[in-house]
């Protein structure tokens, strides 16, 4: 079962952004990620001002797609996801429970 407090958004030095269950190993300077998904932002119709955010499997073509370690120097930042993104991730990998919708900007 996924620990909701460990779900984080990571920006990699390659520019990719992923969301995953994350454990930081300070001794080995690595981040252990479980069930990573790439965050994809698209704007299907330019007349619609709001872009869509979706998740797709990260490294789906490999055996390491479920769990792997990433060296800390490849991580630009680690942040808590917005509730809507957390809900989308949790629906796929967690308990399926969702948090109430709240505005992104306060």
PDB file of N, CA and C in Angstrom:
ATOM      1  N   UNK A   1       0.840  -1.173   0.000  1.00  0.00           N
ATOM      2  CA  UNK A   1       0.000   0.000   0.000  1.00  0.00           C
ATOM      3  C   UNK A   1       0.889   1.242   0.000  1.00  0.00           C
ATOM      4  N   UNK A   2       0.488   2.213  -0.733  1.00  0.00           N
ATOM      5  CA  UNK A   2       1.248   3.445  -0.891  1.00  0.00           C
ATOM      6  C   UNK A   2       1.072   4.354   0.318  1.00  0.00           C
ATOM      7  N   UNK A   3       2.170   4.918   0.798  1.00  0.00           N
ATOM      8  CA  UNK A   3       2.121   5.914   1.868  1.00  0.00           C
ATOM      9  C   UNK A   3       1.975   7.280   1.204  1.00  0.00           C
ATOM     10  N   UNK A   4       0.836   7.898   1.382  1.00  0.00           N
ATOM     11  CA  UNK A   4       0.508   9.146   0.683  1.00  0.00           C
ATOM     12  C   UNK A   4       1.520  10.261   0.972  1.00  0.00           C
ATOM     13  N   UNK A   5       2.137  10.251   2.150  1.00  0.00           N
ATOM     14  CA  UNK A   5       3.117  11.289   2.488  1.00  0.00           C
ATOM     15  C   UNK A   5       4.430  11.118   1.725  1.00  0.00           C
ATOM     16  N   UNK A   6       4.670   9.928   1.198  1.00  0.00           N
ATOM     17  CA  UNK A   6       5.906   9.673   0.452  1.00  0.00           C
ATOM     18  C   UNK A   6       5.755   9.882  -1.048  1.00  0.00           C
ATOM     19  N   UNK A   7       4.576  10.248  -1.512  1.00  0.00           N
ATOM     20  CA  UNK A   7       4.381  10.482  -2.941  1.00  0.00           C
ATOM     21  C   UNK A   7       4.878  11.895  -3.250  1.00  0.00           C
ATOM     22  N   UNK A   8       5.826  11.972  -4.167  1.00  0.00           N
ATOM     23  CA  UNK A   8       6.479  13.243  -4.486  1.00  0.00           C
ATOM     24  C   UNK A   8       6.611  13.419  -5.998  1.00  0.00           C
ATOM     25  N   UNK A   9       6.763  14.666  -6.399  1.00  0.00           N
ATOM     26  CA  UNK A   9       7.095  15.018  -7.778  1.00  0.00           C
ATOM     27  C   UNK A   9       8.584  15.305  -7.814  1.00  0.00           C
ATOM     28  N   UNK A  10       9.279  14.672  -8.761  1.00  0.00           N
ATOM     29  CA  UNK A  10      10.714  14.888  -8.922  1.00  0.00           C
ATOM     30  C   UNK A  10      10.979  15.472 -10.302  1.00  0.00           C
ATOM     31  N   UNK A  11      11.794  16.510 -10.355  1.00  0.00           N
ATOM     32  CA  UNK A  11      12.279  17.034 -11.639  1.00  0.00           C
ATOM     33  C   UNK A  11      13.678  16.498 -11.803  1.00  0.00           C
ATOM     34  N   UNK A  12      13.899  15.778 -12.892  1.00  0.00           N
ATOM     35  CA  UNK A  12      15.204  15.196 -13.171  1.00  0.00           C
ATOM     36  C   UNK A  12      16.048  16.171 -13.974  1.00  0.00           C
ATOM     37  N   UNK A  13      17.341  15.980 -13.956  1.00  0.00           N
ATOM     38  CA  UNK A  13      18.240  16.877 -14.699  1.00  0.00           C
ATOM     39  C   UNK A  13      17.997  16.780 -16.198  1.00  0.00           C
ATOM     40  N   UNK A  14      17.332  15.732 -16.668  1.00  0.00           N
ATOM     41  CA  UNK A  14      16.987  15.590 -18.086  1.00  0.00           C
ATOM     42  C   UNK A  14      15.806  16.472 -18.469  1.00  0.00           C
ATOM     43  N   UNK A  15      15.123  17.048 -17.452  1.00  0.00           N
ATOM     44  CA  UNK A  15      13.945  17.866 -17.705  1.00  0.00           C
ATOM     45  C   UNK A  15      12.648  17.107 -17.484  1.00  0.00           C
ATOM     46  N   UNK A  16      12.729  15.785 -17.363  1.00  0.00           N
ATOM     47  CA  UNK A  16      11.531  14.991 -17.111  1.00  0.00           C
ATOM     48  C   UNK A  16      11.017  15.258 -15.702  1.00  0.00           C
ATOM     49  N   UNK A  17       9.705  15.210 -15.560  1.00  0.00           N
ATOM     50  CA  UNK A  17       9.093  15.284 -14.241  1.00  0.00           C
ATOM     51  C   UNK A  17       8.344  13.988 -14.016  1.00  0.00           C
ATOM     52  N   UNK A  18       8.588  13.378 -12.860  1.00  0.00           N
ATOM     53  CA  UNK A  18       7.915  12.132 -12.532  1.00  0.00           C
ATOM     54  C   UNK A  18       7.247  12.263 -11.170  1.00  0.00           C
ATOM     55  N   UNK A  19       6.258  11.421 -10.957  1.00  0.00           N
ATOM     56  CA  UNK A  19       5.615  11.313  -9.654  1.00  0.00           C
ATOM     57  C   UNK A  19       5.771   9.856  -9.232  1.00  0.00           C
ATOM     58  N   UNK A  20       6.104   9.651  -7.958  1.00  0.00           N
ATOM     59  CA  UNK A  20       6.362   8.299  -7.469  1.00  0.00           C
ATOM     60  C   UNK A  20       6.321   8.294  -5.950  1.00  0.00           C
ATOM     61  N   UNK A  21       6.276   7.097  -5.406  1.00  0.00           N
ATOM     62  CA  UNK A  21       6.484   6.943  -3.973  1.00  0.00           C
ATOM     63  C   UNK A  21       7.997   6.978  -3.776  1.00  0.00           C
ATOM     64  N   UNK A  22       8.483   7.879  -2.936  1.00  0.00           N
ATOM     65  CA  UNK A  22       9.909   8.172  -2.848  1.00  0.00           C
ATOM     66  C   UNK A  22      10.438   7.977  -1.434  1.00  0.00           C
ATOM     67  N   UNK A  23      11.604   7.347  -1.352  1.00  0.00           N
ATOM     68  CA  UNK A  23      12.350   7.249  -0.096  1.00  0.00           C
ATOM     69  C   UNK A  23      13.757   7.769  -0.373  1.00  0.00           C
ATOM     70  N   UNK A  24      14.215   8.727   0.436  1.00  0.00           N
ATOM     71  CA  UNK A  24      15.543   9.314   0.249  1.00  0.00           C
ATOM     72  C   UNK A  24      16.544   8.585   1.136  1.00  0.00           C
ATOM     73  N   UNK A  25      17.591   8.062   0.531  1.00  0.00           N
ATOM     74  CA  UNK A  25      18.677   7.399   1.251  1.00  0.00           C
ATOM     75  C   UNK A  25      19.848   8.371   1.293  1.00  0.00           C
ATOM     76  N   UNK A  26      19.984   9.089   2.414  1.00  0.00           N
ATOM     77  CA  UNK A  26      21.028  10.102   2.520  1.00  0.00           C
ATOM     78  C   UNK A  26      22.417   9.493   2.590  1.00  0.00           C
ATOM     79  N   UNK A  27      22.527   8.301   3.114  1.00  0.00           N
ATOM     80  CA  UNK A  27      23.837   7.655   3.228  1.00  0.00           C
ATOM     81  C   UNK A  27      24.414   7.364   1.853  1.00  0.00           C
ATOM     82  N   UNK A  28      23.590   6.817   0.955  1.00  0.00           N
ATOM     83  CA  UNK A  28      24.058   6.471  -0.389  1.00  0.00           C
ATOM     84  C   UNK A  28      23.755   7.556  -1.421  1.00  0.00           C
ATOM     85  N   UNK A  29      23.150   8.650  -0.970  1.00  0.00           N
ATOM     86  CA  UNK A  29      22.815   9.780  -1.837  1.00  0.00           C
ATOM     87  C   UNK A  29      21.982   9.345  -3.050  1.00  0.00           C
ATOM     88  N   UNK A  30      20.925   8.578  -2.742  1.00  0.00           N
ATOM     89  CA  UNK A  30      20.015   8.111  -3.790  1.00  0.00           C
ATOM     90  C   UNK A  30      18.574   8.321  -3.357  1.00  0.00           C
ATOM     91  N   UNK A  31      17.695   8.306  -4.355  1.00  0.00           N
ATOM     92  CA  UNK A  31      16.260   8.312  -4.121  1.00  0.00           C
ATOM     93  C   UNK A  31      15.710   6.999  -4.660  1.00  0.00           C
ATOM     94  N   UNK A  32      15.033   6.250  -3.805  1.00  0.00           N
ATOM     95  CA  UNK A  32      14.401   5.000  -4.222  1.00  0.00           C
ATOM     96  C   UNK A  32      12.975   5.346  -4.628  1.00  0.00           C
ATOM     97  N   UNK A  33      12.600   5.081  -5.879  1.00  0.00           N
ATOM     98  CA  UNK A  33      11.266   5.408  -6.378  1.00  0.00           C
ATOM     99  C   UNK A  33      10.506   4.126  -6.702  1.00  0.00           C
ATOM    100  N   UNK A  34       9.229   4.121  -6.320  1.00  0.00           N
ATOM    101  CA  UNK A  34       8.343   2.994  -6.600  1.00  0.00           C
ATOM    102  C   UNK A  34       7.200   3.490  -7.476  1.00  0.00           C
ATOM    103  N   UNK A  35       6.844   2.706  -8.469  1.00  0.00           N
ATOM    104  CA  UNK A  35       5.748   3.019  -9.390  1.00  0.00           C
ATOM    105  C   UNK A  35       5.865   4.422  -9.988  1.00  0.00           C
ATOM    106  N   UNK A  36       7.006   4.743 -10.597  1.00  0.00           N
ATOM    107  CA  UNK A  36       7.168   6.076 -11.172  1.00  0.00           C
ATOM    108  C   UNK A  36       6.314   6.255 -12.428  1.00  0.00           C
ATOM    109  N   UNK A  37       5.744   7.434 -12.549  1.00  0.00           N
ATOM    110  CA  UNK A  37       4.991   7.822 -13.746  1.00  0.00           C
ATOM    111  C   UNK A  37       5.508   9.161 -14.224  1.00  0.00           C
ATOM    112  N   UNK A  38       5.614   9.301 -15.523  1.00  0.00           N
ATOM    113  CA  UNK A  38       6.016  10.575 -16.102  1.00  0.00           C
ATOM    114  C   UNK A  38       4.805  11.494 -16.147  1.00  0.00           C
ATOM    115  N   UNK A  39       5.004  12.739 -15.784  1.00  0.00           N
ATOM    116  CA  UNK A  39       3.944  13.743 -15.851  1.00  0.00           C
ATOM    117  C   UNK A  39       3.990  14.359 -17.237  1.00  0.00           C
ATOM    118  N   UNK A  40       2.864  14.278 -17.930  1.00  0.00           N
ATOM    119  CA  UNK A  40       2.783  14.775 -19.301  1.00  0.00           C
ATOM    120  C   UNK A  40       1.782  15.926 -19.334  1.00  0.00           C
ATOM    121  N   UNK A  41       2.221  17.052 -19.870  1.00  0.00           N
ATOM    122  CA  UNK A  41       1.353  18.217 -19.988  1.00  0.00           C
ATOM    123  C   UNK A  41       1.063  18.436 -21.462  1.00  0.00           C
ATOM    124  N   UNK A  42      -0.220  18.511 -21.777  1.00  0.00           N
ATOM    125  CA  UNK A  42      -0.599  18.717 -23.175  1.00  0.00           C
ATOM    126  C   UNK A  42      -1.721  19.732 -23.249  1.00  0.00           C
ATOM    127  N   UNK A  43      -1.773  20.393 -24.366  1.00  0.00           N
ATOM    128  CA  UNK A  43      -2.847  21.336 -24.631  1.00  0.00           C
ATOM    129  C   UNK A  43      -3.431  20.934 -25.985  1.00  0.00           C
ATOM    130  N   UNK A  44      -4.425  20.026 -25.963  1.00  0.00           N
ATOM    131  CA  UNK A  44      -4.929  19.467 -27.214  1.00  0.00           C
ATOM    132  C   UNK A  44      -5.546  20.502 -28.154  1.00  0.00           C
ATOM    133  N   UNK A  45      -6.123  21.546 -27.606  1.00  0.00           N
ATOM    134  CA  UNK A  45      -6.774  22.563 -28.426  1.00  0.00           C
ATOM    135  C   UNK A  45      -6.304  23.933 -27.959  1.00  0.00           C
ATOM    136  N   UNK A  46      -5.664  24.667 -28.821  1.00  0.00           N
ATOM    137  CA  UNK A  46      -5.100  25.967 -28.417  1.00  0.00           C
ATOM    138  C   UNK A  46      -6.176  26.972 -28.007  1.00  0.00           C
ATOM    139  N   UNK A  47      -7.426  26.727 -28.381  1.00  0.00           N
ATOM    140  CA  UNK A  47      -8.497  27.640 -27.982  1.00  0.00           C
ATOM    141  C   UNK A  47      -8.891  27.432 -26.517  1.00  0.00           C
ATOM    142  N   UNK A  48      -8.477  26.296 -25.935  1.00  0.00           N
ATOM    143  CA  UNK A  48      -8.747  26.022 -24.522  1.00  0.00           C
ATOM    144  C   UNK A  48      -7.537  26.498 -23.723  1.00  0.00           C
ATOM    145  N   UNK A  49      -7.733  27.464 -22.817  1.00  0.00           N
ATOM    146  CA  UNK A  49      -6.580  28.037 -22.111  1.00  0.00           C
ATOM    147  C   UNK A  49      -5.907  27.096 -21.124  1.00  0.00           C
ATOM    148  N   UNK A  50      -6.614  26.082 -20.657  1.00  0.00           N
ATOM    149  CA  UNK A  50      -6.038  25.213 -19.632  1.00  0.00           C
ATOM    150  C   UNK A  50      -5.462  23.946 -20.253  1.00  0.00           C
ATOM    151  N   UNK A  51      -4.220  23.663 -19.913  1.00  0.00           N
ATOM    152  CA  UNK A  51      -3.560  22.441 -20.379  1.00  0.00           C
ATOM    153  C   UNK A  51      -4.053  21.256 -19.558  1.00  0.00           C
ATOM    154  N   UNK A  52      -3.906  20.069 -20.119  1.00  0.00           N
ATOM    155  CA  UNK A  52      -4.268  18.840 -19.420  1.00  0.00           C
ATOM    156  C   UNK A  52      -3.006  18.180 -18.878  1.00  0.00           C
ATOM    157  N   UNK A  53      -3.118  17.650 -17.688  1.00  0.00           N
ATOM    158  CA  UNK A  53      -2.004  16.924 -17.085  1.00  0.00           C
ATOM    159  C   UNK A  53      -2.413  15.459 -17.000  1.00  0.00           C
ATOM    160  N   UNK A  54      -1.556  14.600 -17.506  1.00  0.00           N
ATOM    161  CA  UNK A  54      -1.839  13.168 -17.429  1.00  0.00           C
ATOM    162  C   UNK A  54      -0.575  12.430 -17.016  1.00  0.00           C
ATOM    163  N   UNK A  55      -0.749  11.189 -16.637  1.00  0.00           N
ATOM    164  CA  UNK A  55       0.361  10.346 -16.213  1.00  0.00           C
ATOM    165  C   UNK A  55       0.517   9.206 -17.195  1.00  0.00           C
ATOM    166  N   UNK A  56       1.769   8.881 -17.488  1.00  0.00           N
ATOM    167  CA  UNK A  56       2.040   7.716 -18.313  1.00  0.00           C
ATOM    168  C   UNK A  56       3.177   6.934 -17.674  1.00  0.00           C
ATOM    169  N   UNK A  57       3.206   5.633 -17.906  1.00  0.00           N
ATOM    170  CA  UNK A  57       4.273   4.841 -17.291  1.00  0.00           C
ATOM    171  C   UNK A  57       5.651   5.378 -17.683  1.00  0.00           C
ATOM    172  N   UNK A  58       6.546   5.410 -16.715  1.00  0.00           N
ATOM    173  CA  UNK A  58       7.912   5.861 -16.961  1.00  0.00           C
ATOM    174  C   UNK A  58       8.770   4.619 -17.109  1.00  0.00           C
ATOM    175  N   UNK A  59       9.554   4.555 -18.153  1.00  0.00           N
ATOM    176  CA  UNK A  59      10.406   3.407 -18.461  1.00  0.00           C
ATOM    177  C   UNK A  59       9.576   2.132 -18.633  1.00  0.00           C
ATOM    178  N   UNK A  60       8.427   2.263 -19.286  1.00  0.00           N
ATOM    179  CA  UNK A  60       7.508   1.133 -19.459  1.00  0.00           C
ATOM    180  C   UNK A  60       8.128  -0.004 -20.257  1.00  0.00           C
ATOM    181  N   UNK A  61       9.155   0.284 -21.008  1.00  0.00           N
ATOM    182  CA  UNK A  61       9.797  -0.709 -21.872  1.00  0.00           C
ATOM    183  C   UNK A  61      10.940  -1.440 -21.169  1.00  0.00           C
ATOM    184  N   UNK A  62      11.057  -1.288 -19.843  1.00  0.00           N
ATOM    185  CA  UNK A  62      12.146  -1.926 -19.101  1.00  0.00           C
ATOM    186  C   UNK A  62      11.597  -2.758 -17.943  1.00  0.00           C
ATOM    187  N   UNK A  63      12.433  -3.612 -17.403  1.00  0.00           N
ATOM    188  CA  UNK A  63      12.052  -4.380 -16.226  1.00  0.00           C
ATOM    189  C   UNK A  63      12.132  -3.551 -14.952  1.00  0.00           C
ATOM    190  N   UNK A  64      12.802  -2.411 -14.997  1.00  0.00           N
ATOM    191  CA  UNK A  64      12.972  -1.551 -13.815  1.00  0.00           C
ATOM    192  C   UNK A  64      11.823  -0.564 -13.653  1.00  0.00           C
ATOM    193  N   UNK A  65      10.744  -0.750 -14.364  1.00  0.00           N
ATOM    194  CA  UNK A  65       9.672   0.246 -14.369  1.00  0.00           C
ATOM    195  C   UNK A  65       8.900   0.351 -13.056  1.00  0.00           C
ATOM    196  N   UNK A  66       9.003  -0.641 -12.186  1.00  0.00           N
ATOM    197  CA  UNK A  66       8.245  -0.624 -10.926  1.00  0.00           C
ATOM    198  C   UNK A  66       9.015   0.011  -9.778  1.00  0.00           C
ATOM    199  N   UNK A  67      10.336  -0.212  -9.743  1.00  0.00           N
ATOM    200  CA  UNK A  67      11.160   0.277  -8.640  1.00  0.00           C
ATOM    201  C   UNK A  67      12.587   0.472  -9.115  1.00  0.00           C
ATOM    202  N   UNK A  68      13.191   1.584  -8.728  1.00  0.00           N
ATOM    203  CA  UNK A  68      14.596   1.789  -9.039  1.00  0.00           C
ATOM    204  C   UNK A  68      15.165   2.893  -8.164  1.00  0.00           C
ATOM    205  N   UNK A  69      16.496   2.973  -8.151  1.00  0.00           N
ATOM    206  CA  UNK A  69      17.195   4.023  -7.419  1.00  0.00           C
ATOM    207  C   UNK A  69      17.728   5.035  -8.410  1.00  0.00           C
ATOM    208  N   UNK A  70      17.598   6.320  -8.044  1.00  0.00           N
ATOM    209  CA  UNK A  70      18.123   7.414  -8.864  1.00  0.00           C
ATOM    210  C   UNK A  70      19.135   8.160  -8.012  1.00  0.00           C
ATOM    211  N   UNK A  71      20.315   8.356  -8.547  1.00  0.00           N
ATOM    212  CA  UNK A  71      21.344   9.098  -7.805  1.00  0.00           C
ATOM    213  C   UNK A  71      20.893  10.540  -7.600  1.00  0.00           C
ATOM    214  N   UNK A  72      21.164  11.067  -6.420  1.00  0.00           N
ATOM    215  CA  UNK A  72      20.675  12.397  -6.030  1.00  0.00           C
ATOM    216  C   UNK A  72      21.134  13.498  -6.975  1.00  0.00           C
ATOM    217  N   UNK A  73      22.322  13.371  -7.578  1.00  0.00           N
ATOM    218  CA  UNK A  73      22.794  14.456  -8.440  1.00  0.00           C
ATOM    219  C   UNK A  73      22.007  14.547  -9.755  1.00  0.00           C
ATOM    220  N   UNK A  74      21.125  13.575 -10.030  1.00  0.00           N
ATOM    221  CA  UNK A  74      20.244  13.652 -11.196  1.00  0.00           C
ATOM    222  C   UNK A  74      18.888  14.270 -10.857  1.00  0.00           C
ATOM    223  N   UNK A  75      18.673  14.613  -9.596  1.00  0.00           N
ATOM    224  CA  UNK A  75      17.407  15.175  -9.141  1.00  0.00           C
ATOM    225  C   UNK A  75      17.588  16.680  -8.934  1.00  0.00           C
ATOM    226  N   UNK A  76      16.760  17.466  -9.622  1.00  0.00           N
ATOM    227  CA  UNK A  76      16.837  18.926  -9.481  1.00  0.00           C
ATOM    228  C   UNK A  76      16.058  19.399  -8.248  1.00  0.00           C
ATOM    229  N   UNK A  77      14.847  18.848  -8.064  1.00  0.00           N
ATOM    230  CA  UNK A  77      14.070  19.158  -6.871  1.00  0.00           C
ATOM    231  C   UNK A  77      13.037  18.075  -6.625  1.00  0.00           C
ATOM    232  N   UNK A  78      12.536  18.050  -5.368  1.00  0.00           N
ATOM    233  CA  UNK A  78      11.507  17.113  -4.941  1.00  0.00           C
ATOM    234  C   UNK A  78      10.431  17.933  -4.241  1.00  0.00           C
ATOM    235  N   UNK A  79       9.181  17.800  -4.720  1.00  0.00           N
ATOM    236  CA  UNK A  79       8.084  18.590  -4.169  1.00  0.00           C
ATOM    237  C   UNK A  79       6.864  17.729  -3.890  1.00  0.00           C
ATOM    238  N   UNK A  80       6.010  18.229  -3.019  1.00  0.00           N
ATOM    239  CA  UNK A  80       4.733  17.592  -2.741  1.00  0.00           C
ATOM    240  C   UNK A  80       3.796  17.877  -3.923  1.00  0.00           C
ATOM    241  N   UNK A  81       3.081  16.867  -4.430  1.00  0.00           N
ATOM    242  CA  UNK A  81       2.192  17.101  -5.566  1.00  0.00           C
ATOM    243  C   UNK A  81       0.916  17.843  -5.167  1.00  0.00           C
ATOM    244  N   UNK A  82       0.321  18.532  -6.132  1.00  0.00           N
ATOM    245  CA  UNK A  82      -0.985  19.163  -5.934  1.00  0.00           C
ATOM    246  C   UNK A  82      -2.026  18.074  -5.695  1.00  0.00           C
ATOM    247  N   UNK A  83      -3.085  18.357  -4.941  1.00  0.00           N
ATOM    248  CA  UNK A  83      -4.086  17.334  -4.620  1.00  0.00           C
ATOM    249  C   UNK A  83      -4.664  16.619  -5.851  1.00  0.00           C
ATOM    250  N   UNK A  84      -4.910  17.341  -6.931  1.00  0.00           N
ATOM    251  CA  UNK A  84      -5.486  16.718  -8.123  1.00  0.00           C
ATOM    252  C   UNK A  84      -4.529  15.689  -8.722  1.00  0.00           C
ATOM    253  N   UNK A  85      -3.257  16.004  -8.768  1.00  0.00           N
ATOM    254  CA  UNK A  85      -2.257  15.080  -9.294  1.00  0.00           C
ATOM    255  C   UNK A  85      -2.080  13.897  -8.351  1.00  0.00           C
ATOM    256  N   UNK A  86      -2.071  14.164  -7.068  1.00  0.00           N
ATOM    257  CA  UNK A  86      -1.977  13.104  -6.073  1.00  0.00           C
ATOM    258  C   UNK A  86      -3.159  12.142  -6.199  1.00  0.00           C
ATOM    259  N   UNK A  87      -4.358  12.680  -6.405  1.00  0.00           N
ATOM    260  CA  UNK A  87      -5.544  11.839  -6.577  1.00  0.00           C
ATOM    261  C   UNK A  87      -5.427  10.960  -7.812  1.00  0.00           C
ATOM    262  N   UNK A  88      -4.931  11.530  -8.901  1.00  0.00           N
ATOM    263  CA  UNK A  88      -4.776  10.764 -10.131  1.00  0.00           C
ATOM    264  C   UNK A  88      -3.779   9.624  -9.925  1.00  0.00           C
ATOM    265  N   UNK A  89      -2.678   9.909  -9.263  1.00  0.00           N
ATOM    266  CA  UNK A  89      -1.669   8.889  -8.989  1.00  0.00           C
ATOM    267  C   UNK A  89      -2.223   7.833  -8.034  1.00  0.00           C
ATOM    268  N   UNK A  90      -2.896   8.275  -6.979  1.00  0.00           N
ATOM    269  CA  UNK A  90      -3.423   7.362  -5.980  1.00  0.00           C
ATOM    270  C   UNK A  90      -4.509   6.457  -6.561  1.00  0.00           C
ATOM    271  N   UNK A  91      -5.260   6.937  -7.518  1.00  0.00           N
ATOM    272  CA  UNK A  91      -6.274   6.104  -8.169  1.00  0.00           C
ATOM    273  C   UNK A  91      -5.619   4.940  -8.906  1.00  0.00           C
ATOM    274  N   UNK A  92      -4.432   5.167  -9.456  1.00  0.00           N
ATOM    275  CA  UNK A  92      -3.742   4.120 -10.215  1.00  0.00           C
ATOM    276  C   UNK A  92      -2.933   3.186  -9.329  1.00  0.00           C
ATOM    277  N   UNK A  93      -2.276   3.712  -8.293  1.00  0.00           N
ATOM    278  CA  UNK A  93      -1.319   2.913  -7.525  1.00  0.00           C
ATOM    279  C   UNK A  93      -1.622   2.772  -6.049  1.00  0.00           C
ATOM    280  N   UNK A  94      -2.470   3.613  -5.516  1.00  0.00           N
ATOM    281  CA  UNK A  94      -2.717   3.588  -4.081  1.00  0.00           C
ATOM    282  C   UNK A  94      -4.008   2.885  -3.728  1.00  0.00           C
ATOM    283  N   UNK A  95      -4.621   3.372  -2.682  1.00  0.00           N
ATOM    284  CA  UNK A  95      -5.849   2.773  -2.176  1.00  0.00           C
ATOM    285  C   UNK A  95      -7.053   3.148  -3.024  1.00  0.00           C
ATOM    286  N   UNK A  96      -6.893   4.150  -3.862  1.00  0.00           N
ATOM    287  CA  UNK A  96      -8.021   4.637  -4.647  1.00  0.00           C
ATOM    288  C   UNK A  96      -8.762   5.763  -3.960  1.00  0.00           C
ATOM    289  N   UNK A  97      -8.424   6.030  -2.687  1.00  0.00           N
ATOM    290  CA  UNK A  97      -9.056   7.132  -1.966  1.00  0.00           C
ATOM    291  C   UNK A  97      -8.511   8.447  -2.486  1.00  0.00           C
ATOM    292  N   UNK A  98      -9.362   9.456  -2.501  1.00  0.00           N
ATOM    293  CA  UNK A  98      -8.929  10.750  -3.025  1.00  0.00           C
ATOM    294  C   UNK A  98      -9.121  11.830  -1.976  1.00  0.00           C
ATOM    295  N   UNK A  99      -8.367  12.903  -2.119  1.00  0.00           N
ATOM    296  CA  UNK A  99      -8.486  14.059  -1.255  1.00  0.00           C
ATOM    297  C   UNK A  99      -9.512  15.011  -1.836  1.00  0.00           C
ATOM    298  N   UNK A 100     -10.156  15.850  -1.022  1.00  0.00           N
ATOM    299  CA  UNK A 100     -11.110  16.805  -1.575  1.00  0.00           C
ATOM    300  C   UNK A 100     -10.417  17.778  -2.526  1.00  0.00           C
ATOM    301  N   UNK A 101     -11.134  18.178  -3.577  1.00  0.00           N
ATOM    302  CA  UNK A 101     -10.573  19.126  -4.530  1.00  0.00           C
ATOM    303  C   UNK A 101     -10.398  20.477  -3.866  1.00  0.00           C
ATOM    304  N   UNK A 102      -9.219  21.033  -4.067  1.00  0.00           N
ATOM    305  CA  UNK A 102      -8.904  22.351  -3.519  1.00  0.00           C
ATOM    306  C   UNK A 102      -8.234  23.138  -4.624  1.00  0.00           C
ATOM    307  N   UNK A 103      -8.341  24.432  -4.629  1.00  0.00           N
ATOM    308  CA  UNK A 103      -7.687  25.219  -5.678  1.00  0.00           C
ATOM    309  C   UNK A 103      -6.167  25.059  -5.626  1.00  0.00           C
ATOM    310  N   UNK A 104      -5.542  25.099  -6.807  1.00  0.00           N
ATOM    311  CA  UNK A 104      -4.079  25.001  -6.871  1.00  0.00           C
ATOM    312  C   UNK A 104      -3.415  26.236  -6.279  1.00  0.00           C
ATOM    313  N   UNK A 105      -3.994  27.380  -6.503  1.00  0.00           N
ATOM    314  CA  UNK A 105      -3.421  28.642  -6.023  1.00  0.00           C
ATOM    315  C   UNK A 105      -4.346  29.198  -4.937  1.00  0.00           C
ATOM    316  N   UNK A 106      -3.772  29.651  -3.874  1.00  0.00           N
ATOM    317  CA  UNK A 106      -4.582  30.231  -2.796  1.00  0.00           C
ATOM    318  C   UNK A 106      -4.303  31.697  -2.686  1.00  0.00           C
TER     319      UNK A 106
END
